[in-house]
Each structure stands twice: as C-alpha cells, then as structure tokens.
Protein backbone atom coordinates (compact mmCIF):
# COMPACT_ATOMS: atom_id res chain seq x y z
CA UNK A 1 118.79 31.61 88.30
CA UNK A 2 121.76 33.69 89.29
CA UNK A 3 121.42 37.26 90.46
CA UNK A 4 123.49 39.77 88.54
CA UNK A 5 124.43 43.24 89.72
CA UNK A 6 121.58 44.89 87.76
CA UNK A 7 118.93 42.65 89.31
CA UNK A 8 120.24 43.36 92.81
CA UNK A 9 120.28 47.12 92.15
CA UNK A 10 116.73 46.94 90.81
CA UNK A 11 115.48 45.11 93.90
CA UNK A 12 117.26 47.60 96.20
CA UNK A 13 115.76 50.52 94.28
CA UNK A 14 112.26 49.05 94.59
CA UNK A 15 112.75 48.51 98.33
CA UNK A 16 113.96 52.11 98.69
CA UNK A 17 110.90 53.44 96.86
CA UNK A 18 108.48 51.26 98.85
CA UNK A 19 109.82 51.95 102.33
CA UNK A 20 111.63 55.27 102.01
CA UNK A 21 115.00 56.34 103.33
CA UNK A 22 113.91 56.88 106.93
CA UNK A 23 112.34 53.47 107.37
CA UNK A 24 115.23 51.41 105.91
CA UNK A 25 117.59 51.65 108.93
CA UNK A 26 114.77 50.54 111.23
CA UNK A 27 114.00 47.58 108.95
CA UNK A 28 117.67 46.60 108.75
CA UNK A 29 118.00 46.79 112.54
CA UNK A 30 114.91 44.65 113.05
CA UNK A 31 116.11 42.13 110.48
CA UNK A 32 119.51 41.90 112.18
CA UNK A 33 117.93 41.32 115.59
CA UNK A 34 115.62 38.68 114.12
CA UNK A 35 118.52 36.84 112.51
CA UNK A 36 120.45 36.95 115.78
CA UNK A 37 117.50 35.48 117.70
CA UNK A 38 117.06 32.80 115.03
CA UNK A 39 120.72 31.76 115.28
CA UNK A 40 120.51 31.74 119.08
CA UNK A 41 117.40 29.54 118.98
CA UNK A 42 119.01 27.21 116.45
CA UNK A 43 122.09 26.77 118.63
CA UNK A 44 119.91 26.04 121.67
CA UNK A 45 117.97 23.48 119.65
CA UNK A 46 121.19 21.85 118.51
CA UNK A 47 122.37 21.62 122.12
CA UNK A 48 119.04 20.13 123.21
CA UNK A 49 119.18 17.43 120.53
CA UNK A 50 122.79 16.63 121.43
CA UNK A 51 121.98 16.15 125.14
CA UNK A 52 120.08 12.84 124.77
CA UNK A 53 122.98 11.36 122.81
CA UNK A 54 125.43 12.33 125.55
CA UNK A 55 123.09 11.02 128.25
CA UNK A 56 122.70 7.70 126.39
CA UNK A 57 126.47 7.34 126.13
CA UNK A 58 126.90 8.11 129.84
CA UNK A 59 124.13 5.64 130.77
CA UNK A 60 125.78 2.92 128.69
CA UNK A 61 129.08 3.48 130.46
CA UNK A 62 127.37 3.23 133.84
CA UNK A 63 125.29 0.16 132.95
CA UNK A 64 128.17 -1.73 131.31
CA UNK A 65 131.07 -1.37 133.75
CA UNK A 66 134.29 -3.18 133.03
CA UNK A 67 134.76 -6.28 135.20
CA UNK A 68 137.36 -5.93 137.91
CA UNK A 69 139.84 -8.77 138.15
CA UNK A 70 141.28 -9.42 141.60
CA UNK A 71 145.00 -9.03 142.00
CA UNK A 72 146.90 -12.01 143.36
CA UNK A 73 149.47 -11.08 145.96
CA UNK A 74 152.26 -13.63 146.51
C-alpha cells in the first residue's frame, strides 16, 4: 500500500485535531530526541558487536606469530 498525498494530509489533520496546535511542537521535539537516542544506542550496539571480532583477530595474530628465520652472516 502506497501513501498518496491525500492520505498523508488526512493523517496529519487527524493528528492535529487529536493533539491540538500547542501540543504538536512538544510531541515533535520528544519524537526527535527519542530518535536521536535510538540511533545513538544502535551505534553503540554496533560498536560492541564489532569489538569481539577485532579482539579475535588480534588474538589470532598474537597466537600465530610468523616464524623468524635466522640470518646467516658470512
């Protein structure tokens, strides 16, 4: 189902009637802050899930060092 311009206008008009003109800016501000917190939390979660992968890669490099071949000096 795609939303046309008339459906969007109807939904906005219903929201305006339900909440009134004074309450809408407060609701929009609260919604914006909530979305910002959600994005911040999502980014932190993404970083937390990426950390174990990085730590595993670093541990593998430490546990599997390349063998050192002695140099022969003539």
